[in-house]
Amino acid sequence: MTVAVSDESEHGELTRAEPPSATIVCVDCGGVAHLLTPARDDGAWYVGDISTYRCSDCRDRWDLVME
């Protein structure tokens, strides 16, 4: 599920964000964290969307807000 924190510009339009990386480096252990969150139904990502990652080594979860 993708959750929007604040996805509207001052004109009430959605602001697109760059798609998140499929993997990131885990801040805690240096392992590989994989993206869990799918894009919205239209396949796009917007400012304020949450991208969630899970580290395959230490199992930590990371929730990042798209900018």
N, C-alpha and C. Protein backbone atom coordinates (compact mmCIF):
# COMPACT_ATOMS: atom_id res chain seq x y z
N MET A 1 0.84 -1.17 0.00
CA MET A 1 0.00 0.00 0.00
C MET A 1 0.88 1.24 0.00
N THR A 2 0.58 2.18 -0.84
CA THR A 2 1.30 3.44 -0.88
C THR A 2 0.48 4.49 -0.16
N VAL A 3 1.11 5.19 0.75
CA VAL A 3 0.43 6.21 1.53
C VAL A 3 0.97 7.57 1.14
N ALA A 4 0.10 8.51 0.92
CA ALA A 4 0.52 9.86 0.59
C ALA A 4 0.52 10.71 1.85
N VAL A 5 1.65 11.32 2.15
CA VAL A 5 1.74 12.22 3.29
C VAL A 5 1.20 13.58 2.88
N SER A 6 1.71 14.11 1.80
CA SER A 6 1.25 15.38 1.25
C SER A 6 1.60 15.35 -0.22
N ASP A 7 0.64 15.05 -1.06
CA ASP A 7 0.97 14.82 -2.46
C ASP A 7 0.39 15.86 -3.40
N GLU A 8 -0.04 16.99 -2.88
CA GLU A 8 -0.60 18.01 -3.75
C GLU A 8 0.24 19.27 -3.70
N SER A 9 0.43 19.88 -4.86
CA SER A 9 1.11 21.16 -4.91
C SER A 9 0.14 22.23 -4.45
N GLU A 10 0.59 23.46 -4.43
CA GLU A 10 -0.29 24.55 -4.00
C GLU A 10 -1.47 24.74 -4.95
N HIS A 11 -1.40 24.15 -6.14
CA HIS A 11 -2.49 24.25 -7.12
C HIS A 11 -3.39 23.03 -7.09
N GLY A 12 -3.18 22.11 -6.15
CA GLY A 12 -4.01 20.93 -6.03
C GLY A 12 -3.64 19.81 -6.99
N GLU A 13 -2.48 19.91 -7.64
CA GLU A 13 -2.04 18.88 -8.58
C GLU A 13 -1.00 17.99 -7.92
N LEU A 14 -0.98 16.72 -8.31
CA LEU A 14 0.03 15.80 -7.81
C LEU A 14 1.38 16.15 -8.42
N THR A 15 2.42 16.07 -7.61
CA THR A 15 3.78 16.33 -8.08
C THR A 15 4.50 15.00 -8.20
N ARG A 16 4.93 14.65 -9.40
CA ARG A 16 5.62 13.38 -9.61
C ARG A 16 6.99 13.38 -8.97
N ALA A 17 7.39 12.20 -8.51
CA ALA A 17 8.72 11.99 -7.94
C ALA A 17 9.43 10.94 -8.79
N GLU A 18 10.75 10.94 -8.73
CA GLU A 18 11.53 9.89 -9.38
C GLU A 18 11.19 8.56 -8.71
N PRO A 19 11.10 7.48 -9.47
CA PRO A 19 10.82 6.18 -8.84
C PRO A 19 11.94 5.81 -7.87
N PRO A 20 11.61 5.13 -6.79
CA PRO A 20 12.65 4.73 -5.84
C PRO A 20 13.53 3.62 -6.42
N SER A 21 14.72 3.50 -5.89
CA SER A 21 15.63 2.43 -6.29
C SER A 21 15.07 1.09 -5.84
N ALA A 22 15.37 0.05 -6.58
CA ALA A 22 14.92 -1.30 -6.22
C ALA A 22 15.60 -1.77 -4.94
N THR A 23 16.82 -1.30 -4.69
CA THR A 23 17.55 -1.65 -3.47
C THR A 23 18.27 -0.41 -2.93
N ILE A 24 18.52 -0.43 -1.63
CA ILE A 24 19.34 0.59 -0.98
C ILE A 24 20.30 -0.12 -0.03
N VAL A 25 21.30 0.59 0.46
CA VAL A 25 22.21 0.04 1.45
C VAL A 25 21.61 0.28 2.83
N CYS A 26 21.52 -0.76 3.62
CA CYS A 26 20.98 -0.66 4.98
C CYS A 26 21.92 0.20 5.83
N VAL A 27 21.36 1.19 6.48
CA VAL A 27 22.16 2.10 7.31
C VAL A 27 22.72 1.37 8.53
N ASP A 28 21.98 0.40 9.05
CA ASP A 28 22.40 -0.29 10.27
C ASP A 28 23.52 -1.30 10.04
N CYS A 29 23.38 -2.14 9.01
CA CYS A 29 24.34 -3.24 8.86
C CYS A 29 25.12 -3.22 7.56
N GLY A 30 24.74 -2.37 6.62
CA GLY A 30 25.44 -2.32 5.33
C GLY A 30 24.96 -3.36 4.34
N GLY A 31 23.94 -4.12 4.71
CA GLY A 31 23.38 -5.13 3.81
C GLY A 31 22.51 -4.49 2.73
N VAL A 32 21.86 -5.33 1.96
CA VAL A 32 21.00 -4.85 0.88
C VAL A 32 19.55 -4.86 1.35
N ALA A 33 18.90 -3.70 1.24
CA ALA A 33 17.48 -3.58 1.58
C ALA A 33 16.70 -3.48 0.28
N HIS A 34 15.65 -4.28 0.16
CA HIS A 34 14.86 -4.36 -1.07
C HIS A 34 13.55 -3.60 -0.92
N LEU A 35 13.14 -2.96 -2.01
CA LEU A 35 11.88 -2.22 -2.04
C LEU A 35 10.70 -3.18 -1.90
N LEU A 36 9.80 -2.87 -0.98
CA LEU A 36 8.60 -3.68 -0.76
C LEU A 36 7.35 -3.04 -1.35
N THR A 37 7.34 -1.72 -1.41
CA THR A 37 6.15 -0.97 -1.79
C THR A 37 6.01 -0.89 -3.31
N PRO A 38 4.86 -1.29 -3.84
CA PRO A 38 4.63 -1.11 -5.27
C PRO A 38 4.23 0.34 -5.58
N ALA A 39 4.36 0.72 -6.82
CA ALA A 39 3.90 2.04 -7.25
C ALA A 39 2.37 2.07 -7.17
N ARG A 40 1.82 3.26 -7.30
CA ARG A 40 0.36 3.40 -7.35
C ARG A 40 -0.18 2.66 -8.57
N ASP A 41 -1.50 2.58 -8.66
CA ASP A 41 -2.13 1.87 -9.77
C ASP A 41 -1.74 2.42 -11.13
N ASP A 42 -1.42 3.71 -11.19
CA ASP A 42 -1.03 4.31 -12.47
C ASP A 42 0.46 4.10 -12.77
N GLY A 43 1.17 3.41 -11.87
CA GLY A 43 2.58 3.11 -12.08
C GLY A 43 3.52 4.24 -11.72
N ALA A 44 2.99 5.33 -11.21
CA ALA A 44 3.81 6.50 -10.91
C ALA A 44 4.05 6.64 -9.41
N TRP A 45 5.05 7.43 -9.08
CA TRP A 45 5.37 7.80 -7.71
C TRP A 45 5.21 9.31 -7.60
N TYR A 46 4.71 9.76 -6.45
CA TYR A 46 4.47 11.18 -6.25
C TYR A 46 5.12 11.64 -4.95
N VAL A 47 5.42 12.94 -4.90
CA VAL A 47 5.99 13.53 -3.70
C VAL A 47 5.05 13.22 -2.53
N GLY A 48 5.64 12.74 -1.44
CA GLY A 48 4.86 12.38 -0.26
C GLY A 48 4.55 10.90 -0.15
N ASP A 49 4.70 10.14 -1.24
CA ASP A 49 4.49 8.69 -1.18
C ASP A 49 5.56 8.07 -0.27
N ILE A 50 5.22 6.97 0.35
CA ILE A 50 6.15 6.25 1.22
C ILE A 50 6.68 5.04 0.47
N SER A 51 8.01 4.91 0.43
CA SER A 51 8.62 3.70 -0.14
C SER A 51 9.23 2.92 1.02
N THR A 52 8.86 1.66 1.14
CA THR A 52 9.28 0.83 2.26
C THR A 52 10.30 -0.21 1.78
N TYR A 53 11.36 -0.35 2.55
CA TYR A 53 12.43 -1.30 2.25
C TYR A 53 12.61 -2.24 3.43
N ARG A 54 13.07 -3.47 3.14
CA ARG A 54 13.42 -4.44 4.19
C ARG A 54 14.81 -4.97 3.89
N CYS A 55 15.68 -4.94 4.90
CA CYS A 55 17.04 -5.44 4.74
C CYS A 55 17.03 -6.96 4.76
N SER A 56 17.68 -7.56 3.78
CA SER A 56 17.71 -9.02 3.72
C SER A 56 18.69 -9.63 4.72
N ASP A 57 19.56 -8.80 5.31
CA ASP A 57 20.52 -9.32 6.29
C ASP A 57 20.02 -9.18 7.72
N CYS A 58 19.74 -7.95 8.15
CA CYS A 58 19.33 -7.73 9.55
C CYS A 58 17.82 -7.62 9.72
N ARG A 59 17.08 -7.60 8.61
CA ARG A 59 15.61 -7.55 8.59
C ARG A 59 15.03 -6.22 9.06
N ASP A 60 15.86 -5.18 9.21
CA ASP A 60 15.33 -3.87 9.57
C ASP A 60 14.45 -3.34 8.44
N ARG A 61 13.49 -2.53 8.82
CA ARG A 61 12.57 -1.92 7.86
C ARG A 61 12.88 -0.43 7.78
N TRP A 62 12.82 0.09 6.56
CA TRP A 62 13.07 1.51 6.32
C TRP A 62 11.90 2.08 5.53
N ASP A 63 11.29 3.15 6.06
CA ASP A 63 10.19 3.84 5.39
C ASP A 63 10.71 5.22 4.97
N LEU A 64 10.77 5.45 3.67
CA LEU A 64 11.31 6.70 3.14
C LEU A 64 10.20 7.49 2.45
N VAL A 65 10.16 8.79 2.69
CA VAL A 65 9.18 9.67 2.07
C VAL A 65 9.76 10.20 0.76
N MET A 66 9.02 10.03 -0.32
CA MET A 66 9.48 10.49 -1.63
C MET A 66 9.46 12.01 -1.69
N GLU A 67 10.52 12.58 -2.25
CA GLU A 67 10.61 14.03 -2.42
C GLU A 67 10.73 14.38 -3.88
